[in-house]
Every structure is written in C-alpha cells, then in structure tokens.
C-alpha atoms as a PDB file:
ATOM      1  CA  MET A   1     181.298  54.705 125.430  1.00  0.00           C
ATOM      2  CA  ILE A   2     177.696  55.618 125.347  1.00  0.00           C
ATOM      3  CA  GLY A   3     175.144  53.569 123.441  1.00  0.00           C
ATOM      4  CA  THR A   4     172.622  54.859 120.946  1.00  0.00           C
ATOM      5  CA  THR A   5     169.984  55.330 123.580  1.00  0.00           C
ATOM      6  CA  GLY A   6     172.248  57.336 125.744  1.00  0.00           C
ATOM      7  CA  GLU A   7     172.955  54.653 128.345  1.00  0.00           C
ATOM      8  CA  HIS A   8     176.262  53.537 129.572  1.00  0.00           C
ATOM      9  CA  PRO A   9     177.040  49.945 128.484  1.00  0.00           C
ATOM     10  CA  ALA A  10     177.940  48.873 132.033  1.00  0.00           C
ATOM     11  CA  VAL A  11     174.584  50.030 133.350  1.00  0.00           C
ATOM     12  CA  ALA A  12     172.860  48.138 130.580  1.00  0.00           C
ATOM     13  CA  GLY A  13     174.834  45.020 131.473  1.00  0.00           C
ATOM     14  CA  VAL A  14     173.984  45.344 135.146  1.00  0.00           C
ATOM     15  CA  ALA A  15     170.338  45.860 134.260  1.00  0.00           C
ATOM     16  CA  ALA A  16     170.437  42.752 132.105  1.00  0.00           C
ATOM     17  CA  VAL A  17     172.074  40.712 134.869  1.00  0.00           C
ATOM     18  CA  VAL A  18     169.614  42.037 137.489  1.00  0.00           C
ATOM     19  CA  GLY A  19     166.694  41.363 135.147  1.00  0.00           C
ATOM     20  CA  ALA A  20     167.940  37.849 134.494  1.00  0.00           C
ATOM     21  CA  ALA A  21     168.412  37.267 138.225  1.00  0.00           C
ATOM     22  CA  ILE A  22     164.925  38.517 139.018  1.00  0.00           C
ATOM     23  CA  GLY A  23     163.440  36.427 136.206  1.00  0.00           C
ATOM     24  CA  GLY A  24     165.385  33.374 137.372  1.00  0.00           C
ATOM     25  CA  GLY A  25     164.360  33.989 140.963  1.00  0.00           C
ATOM     26  CA  LEU A  26     160.703  34.292 139.988  1.00  0.00           C
ATOM     27  CA  ALA A  27     160.974  31.145 137.891  1.00  0.00           C
ATOM     28  CA  GLY A  28     162.558  29.353 140.838  1.00  0.00           C
ATOM     29  CA  LEU A  29     159.864  30.576 143.212  1.00  0.00           C
ATOM     30  CA  THR A  30     157.205  29.473 140.739  1.00  0.00           C
ATOM     31  CA  ALA A  31     158.826  26.047 140.551  1.00  0.00           C
ATOM     32  CA  VAL A  32     159.026  25.795 144.349  1.00  0.00           C
ATOM     33  CA  GLY A  33     155.390  26.906 144.672  1.00  0.00           C
ATOM     34  CA  ALA A  34     154.249  24.425 142.041  1.00  0.00           C
ATOM     35  CA  SER A  35     156.239  21.633 143.711  1.00  0.00           C
ATOM     36  CA  TRP A  36     154.751  22.486 147.107  1.00  0.00           C
ATOM     37  CA  PHE A  37     151.256  22.503 145.605  1.00  0.00           C
ATOM     38  CA  ARG A  38     151.838  19.124 143.882  1.00  0.00           C
ATOM     39  CA  LEU A  39     153.200  17.677 147.128  1.00  0.00           C
ATOM     40  CA  ARG A  40     150.162  18.932 149.048  1.00  0.00           C
ATOM     41  CA  VAL A  41     147.768  17.494 146.459  1.00  0.00           C
ATOM     42  CA  ALA A  42     149.636  14.166 146.537  1.00  0.00           C
ATOM     43  CA  ARG A  43     149.383  14.038 150.334  1.00  0.00           C
ATOM     44  CA  LEU A  44     145.664  14.823 150.222  1.00  0.00           C
ATOM     45  CA  GLN A  45     145.125  12.137 147.580  1.00  0.00           C
ATOM     46  CA  SER A  46     147.115   9.643 149.630  1.00  0.00           C
ATOM     47  CA  LYS A  47     145.072  10.429 152.744  1.00  0.00           C
ATOM     48  CA  ALA A  48     141.831  10.098 150.784  1.00  0.00           C
ATOM     49  CA  GLN A  49     142.981   6.727 149.413  1.00  0.00           C
ATOM     50  CA  GLU A  50     143.915   5.524 152.901  1.00  0.00           C
ATOM     51  CA  THR A  51     140.524   6.607 154.224  1.00  0.00           C
ATOM     52  CA  GLU A  52     138.733   4.809 151.391  1.00  0.00           C
ATOM     53  CA  ALA A  53     140.825   1.672 151.928  1.00  0.00           C
ATOM     54  CA  ALA A  54     139.992   1.716 155.653  1.00  0.00           C
ATOM     55  CA  ARG A  55     136.293   2.162 154.837  1.00  0.00           C
ATOM     56  CA  GLN A  56     136.411  -0.788 152.447  1.00  0.00           C
ATOM     57  CA  ARG A  57     138.219  -2.963 155.020  1.00  0.00           C
ATOM     58  CA  ARG A  58     135.588  -2.071 157.631  1.00  0.00           C
ATOM     59  CA  PHE A  59     132.795  -2.849 155.167  1.00  0.00           C
ATOM     60  CA  GLU A  60     134.330  -6.242 154.318  1.00  0.00           C
ATOM     61  CA  SER A  61     134.850  -7.024 157.998  1.00  0.00           C
ATOM     62  CA  LEU A  62     131.229  -6.173 158.752  1.00  0.00           C
ATOM     63  CA  ARG A  63     130.024  -8.274 155.838  1.00  0.00           C
ATOM     64  CA  GLU A  64     132.156 -11.223 156.951  1.00  0.00           C
ATOM     65  CA  ARG A  65     130.696 -10.989 160.456  1.00  0.00           C
ATOM     66  CA  ARG A  66     127.149 -10.346 159.310  1.00  0.00           C
ATOM     67  CA  GLU A  67     126.798 -13.510 157.205  1.00  0.00           C
ATOM     68  CA  PRO A  68     127.499 -16.095 159.939  1.00  0.00           C
ATOM     69  CA  ARG A  69     125.568 -14.010 162.447  1.00  0.00           C
ATOM     70  CA  SER A  70     122.581 -13.857 160.166  1.00  0.00           C
ATOM     71  CA  LYS A  71     122.585 -17.632 159.746  1.00  0.00           C
ATOM     72  CA  ALA A  72     123.017 -18.290 163.481  1.00  0.00           C
ATOM     73  CA  TYR A  73     120.242 -15.838 164.349  1.00  0.00           C
ATOM     74  CA  ALA A  74     117.880 -17.315 161.748  1.00  0.00           C
ATOM     75  CA  ASP A  75     118.556 -20.855 162.980  1.00  0.00           C
ATOM     76  CA  LEU A  76     117.749 -19.904 166.563  1.00  0.00           C
ATOM     77  CA  LEU A  77     114.627 -18.044 165.455  1.00  0.00           C
ATOM     78  CA  ASP A  78     113.536 -21.193 163.617  1.00  0.00           C
ATOM     79  CA  GLY A  79     113.971 -23.194 166.820  1.00  0.00           C
ATOM     80  CA  GLY A  80     111.946 -20.690 168.823  1.00  0.00           C
ATOM     81  CA  GLN A  81     109.222 -20.669 166.205  1.00  0.00           C
ATOM     82  CA  GLU A  82     109.167 -24.456 166.222  1.00  0.00           C
ATOM     83  CA  VAL A  83     108.444 -24.350 169.970  1.00  0.00           C
ATOM     84  CA  LEU A  84     105.551 -21.979 169.363  1.00  0.00           C
ATOM     85  CA  ASP A  85     104.241 -24.214 166.585  1.00  0.00           C
ATOM     86  CA  LEU A  86     104.428 -27.227 168.900  1.00  0.00           C
ATOM     87  CA  SER A  87     102.588 -25.326 171.631  1.00  0.00           C
ATOM     88  CA  ARG A  88      99.740 -24.710 169.212  1.00  0.00           C
ATOM     89  CA  SER A  89      99.604 -28.335 168.137  1.00  0.00           C
ATOM     90  CA  SER A  90      96.357 -30.071 168.935  1.00  0.00           C
ATOM     91  CA  TRP A  91      98.184 -33.322 169.629  1.00  0.00           C
ATOM     92  CA  GLN A  92      99.745 -33.455 173.066  1.00  0.00           C
ATOM     93  CA  SER A  93     101.632 -36.600 172.039  1.00  0.00           C
ATOM     94  CA  GLU A  94     103.433 -34.688 169.252  1.00  0.00           C
ATOM     95  CA  LEU A  95     104.482 -32.032 171.755  1.00  0.00           C
ATOM     96  CA  VAL A  96     105.841 -34.603 174.197  1.00  0.00           C
ATOM     97  CA  ASP A  97     107.614 -36.529 171.414  1.00  0.00           C
ATOM     98  CA  ARG A  98     109.345 -33.522 169.866  1.00  0.00           C
ATOM     99  CA  ILE A  99     109.902 -30.987 172.650  1.00  0.00           C
ATOM    100  CA  GLU A 100     113.046 -32.692 173.932  1.00  0.00           C
ATOM    101  CA  SER A 101     114.787 -32.575 170.540  1.00  0.00           C
ATOM    102  CA  VAL A 102     113.593 -29.017 169.893  1.00  0.00           C
ATOM    103  CA  ASN A 103     114.916 -27.932 173.293  1.00  0.00           C
ATOM    104  CA  ALA A 104     118.299 -29.564 172.558  1.00  0.00           C
ATOM    105  CA  SER A 105     118.387 -27.873 169.170  1.00  0.00           C
ATOM    106  CA  VAL A 106     117.647 -24.457 170.700  1.00  0.00           C
ATOM    107  CA  ARG A 107     120.437 -24.973 173.257  1.00  0.00           C
ATOM    108  CA  LYS A 108     122.944 -25.775 170.499  1.00  0.00           C
ATOM    109  CA  ARG A 109     121.832 -22.849 168.376  1.00  0.00           C
ATOM    110  CA  ARG A 110     122.088 -20.559 171.406  1.00  0.00           C
ATOM    111  CA  ALA A 111     125.697 -21.646 171.810  1.00  0.00           C
ATOM    112  CA  THR A 112     126.412 -20.628 168.217  1.00  0.00           C
ATOM    113  CA  VAL A 113     124.813 -17.230 168.777  1.00  0.00           C
ATOM    114  CA  ALA A 114     126.888 -16.806 171.936  1.00  0.00           C
ATOM    115  CA  ILE A 115     130.019 -17.277 169.821  1.00  0.00           C
ATOM    116  CA  VAL A 116     129.108 -14.932 166.963  1.00  0.00           C
ATOM    117  CA  GLY A 117     127.716 -12.289 169.370  1.00  0.00           C
ATOM    118  CA  PRO A 118     127.466  -9.478 170.121  1.00  0.00           C
ATOM    119  CA  LYS A 119     126.831  -9.594 173.872  1.00  0.00           C
ATOM    120  CA  ASN A 120     123.300  -8.182 173.840  1.00  0.00           C
ATOM    121  CA  VAL A 121     122.173 -10.724 171.227  1.00  0.00           C
ATOM    122  CA  ALA A 122     123.891 -13.550 173.098  1.00  0.00           C
ATOM    123  CA  GLN A 123     122.024 -12.504 176.250  1.00  0.00           C
ATOM    124  CA  ALA A 124     118.703 -12.422 174.390  1.00  0.00           C
ATOM    125  CA  ALA A 125     119.508 -15.891 172.996  1.00  0.00           C
ATOM    126  CA  ALA A 126     120.214 -17.190 176.509  1.00  0.00           C
ATOM    127  CA  ASP A 127     116.887 -15.758 177.705  1.00  0.00           C
ATOM    128  CA  LEU A 128     115.107 -17.486 174.813  1.00  0.00           C
ATOM    129  CA  ALA A 129     116.816 -20.805 175.607  1.00  0.00           C
ATOM    130  CA  ARG A 130     115.749 -20.486 179.280  1.00  0.00           C
ATOM    131  CA  ALA A 131     112.155 -19.777 178.238  1.00  0.00           C
ATOM    132  CA  VAL A 132     112.175 -22.816 175.928  1.00  0.00           C
ATOM    133  CA  ALA A 133     113.586 -25.004 178.721  1.00  0.00           C
ATOM    134  CA  ALA A 134     110.885 -23.760 181.100  1.00  0.00           C
ATOM    135  CA  PHE A 135     108.233 -24.525 178.484  1.00  0.00           C
ATOM    136  CA  ARG A 136     109.736 -27.994 177.956  1.00  0.00           C
ATOM    137  CA  ASN A 137     109.676 -28.709 181.689  1.00  0.00           C
ATOM    138  CA  ALA A 138     106.087 -27.529 182.075  1.00  0.00           C
ATOM    139  CA  ALA A 139     104.920 -29.413 178.978  1.00  0.00           C
ATOM    140  CA  LEU A 140     106.600 -32.697 179.910  1.00  0.00           C
ATOM    141  CA  HIS A 141     105.151 -32.591 183.398  1.00  0.00           C
ATOM    142  CA  LEU A 142     101.732 -31.410 182.154  1.00  0.00           C
ATOM    143  CA  ARG A 143     101.789 -28.454 184.507  1.00  0.00           C
ATOM    144  CA  PRO A 144      99.086 -25.816 184.436  1.00  0.00           C
ATOM    145  CA  GLU A 145     101.672 -23.040 183.855  1.00  0.00           C
ATOM    146  CA  THR A 146     102.339 -24.291 180.320  1.00  0.00           C
ATOM    147  CA  PRO A 147     100.356 -21.396 178.724  1.00  0.00           C
ATOM    148  CA  ARG A 148     102.437 -18.893 180.719  1.00  0.00           C
ATOM    149  CA  SER A 149     105.571 -20.670 179.516  1.00  0.00           C
ATOM    150  CA  VAL A 150     104.387 -20.279 175.925  1.00  0.00           C
ATOM    151  CA  SER A 151     103.908 -16.569 176.532  1.00  0.00           C
ATOM    152  CA  ASP A 152     107.436 -16.373 177.972  1.00  0.00           C
ATOM    153  CA  VAL A 153     108.776 -18.040 174.824  1.00  0.00           C
ATOM    154  CA  GLU A 154     106.878 -15.575 172.631  1.00  0.00           C
ATOM    155  CA  VAL A 155     108.272 -12.588 174.553  1.00  0.00           C
ATOM    156  CA  ALA A 156     111.815 -13.983 174.555  1.00  0.00           C
ATOM    157  CA  LEU A 157     111.568 -14.725 170.835  1.00  0.00           C
ATOM    158  CA  GLU A 158     110.437 -11.158 170.120  1.00  0.00           C
ATOM    159  CA  LEU A 159     113.244  -9.670 172.233  1.00  0.00           C
ATOM    160  CA  PHE A 160     115.801 -11.890 170.526  1.00  0.00           C
ATOM    161  CA  THR A 161     114.443 -10.875 167.103  1.00  0.00           C
ATOM    162  CA  ARG A 162     114.810  -7.182 167.958  1.00  0.00           C
ATOM    163  CA  ALA A 163     118.352  -7.625 169.280  1.00  0.00           C
ATOM    164  CA  ALA A 164     119.370  -9.696 166.248  1.00  0.00           C
ATOM    165  CA  ARG A 165     117.902  -7.168 163.819  1.00  0.00           C
ATOM    166  CA  ALA A 166     119.718  -4.297 165.547  1.00  0.00           C
ATOM    167  CA  ALA A 167     123.002  -6.207 165.447  1.00  0.00           C
ATOM    168  CA  LEU A 168     122.631  -6.944 161.746  1.00  0.00           C
ATOM    169  CA  GLU A 169     121.749  -3.324 160.971  1.00  0.00           C
ATOM    170  CA  ASP A 170     124.750  -1.990 162.913  1.00  0.00           C
ATOM    171  CA  ASP A 171     127.172  -0.355 160.480  1.00  0.00           C
ATOM    172  CA  GLY A 172     130.104  -0.478 162.867  1.00  0.00           C
ATOM    173  CA  ASP A 173     130.204   3.273 163.525  1.00  0.00           C
ATOM    174  CA  GLY A 174     129.185   2.914 167.152  1.00  0.00           C
ATOM    175  CA  PRO A 175     131.386   3.839 170.089  1.00  0.00           C
ATOM    176  CA  PRO A 176     134.510   1.709 170.582  1.00  0.00           C
ATOM    177  CA  GLY A 177     133.845  -1.416 172.583  1.00  0.00           C
ATOM    178  CA  SER A 178     130.147  -1.515 171.664  1.00  0.00           C
ATOM    179  CA  GLU A 179     130.654  -4.818 169.914  1.00  0.00           C
END
C-alpha cells in the first residue's frame, strides 16, 4: 500500500526509526558533552579552591610566625638602642651601673631571636650581642677602645635591623629552604 504522498509505508517507518535514532544519538551526545563540560568545570573549581585554601594556609602560617618574630626583633633592638643611649650618657657611673644588666638582657633577647629565626637574622643578632659584650668589657675596664666598641654596636644594630626588616617583609615565596 502506498501512502498519499506516494511513499511506501515501510520506508516511512524506517525513516521514522532512523530519524528517532539519530535524534536520540544527538541528544545522548549532547548529554555526554554537557556532562564532560560540567565535570571539567567542577575540577577547575576544585583546583582553584585548593589553591586558594593553600594560599590562605600559607598566609596564616606567615602571620603566626611574623608576630613572635616581630616582638623578639623589637625587644633586641630596644636592648641595642639602650646600649647606645648608655654610651651617650654623660655619667660614667650610670654606664657602669647598668651595662651589666643591659648586656644580660641583650644576651637573653638574642637567644629568643635565635629560636624564632631565620638563620640570617639569628646571625645578625649574635653579632649584635658580641658587639654589646665587647662594649661592656671596654666600658667596665675603662679602655680607650670604648668609642670603637660603640661604633661596632651601631653597625651591628643597623645590620640586625636590616636583616629583621627583610625577614618580616618576606612573603614566603622564596626558594625552598630559604627559611
């Protein structure tokens, strides 16, 4: 039997089945493509979230290290400045009375800096403590090299200040092992 358009009904049925199969196949491919795209976007979002979480952990870690370091550095700087203030005192008796306690204080503060680090700041702190001890020895024994000792303290204090500032400004993006 031939239909009104002149087609055979079996051909029309096959065409309908083939059309449905093609439409279904395209719909399936569209679904697979959309699923793949959603999966890719989800992976990218997950990676971005992991990266942000790692950045926030690094920031918190740096902040947690920076606060005690800042205090330790400031305390040692105060001790070094106190030595310079004593050296400029017009009363030799005040220098002799206080230099021993100031020297002990600088040694203790240097120990704290050695713990909180990093290595280059700890080394600068040790150099400052040695300069203060040399000044103390010269001042207590009224040696003529006392002015040179003061200059050594000033230089060591400046070098420590630079190292401490650099350590506090470090954002943690340096090469591994630079801490």
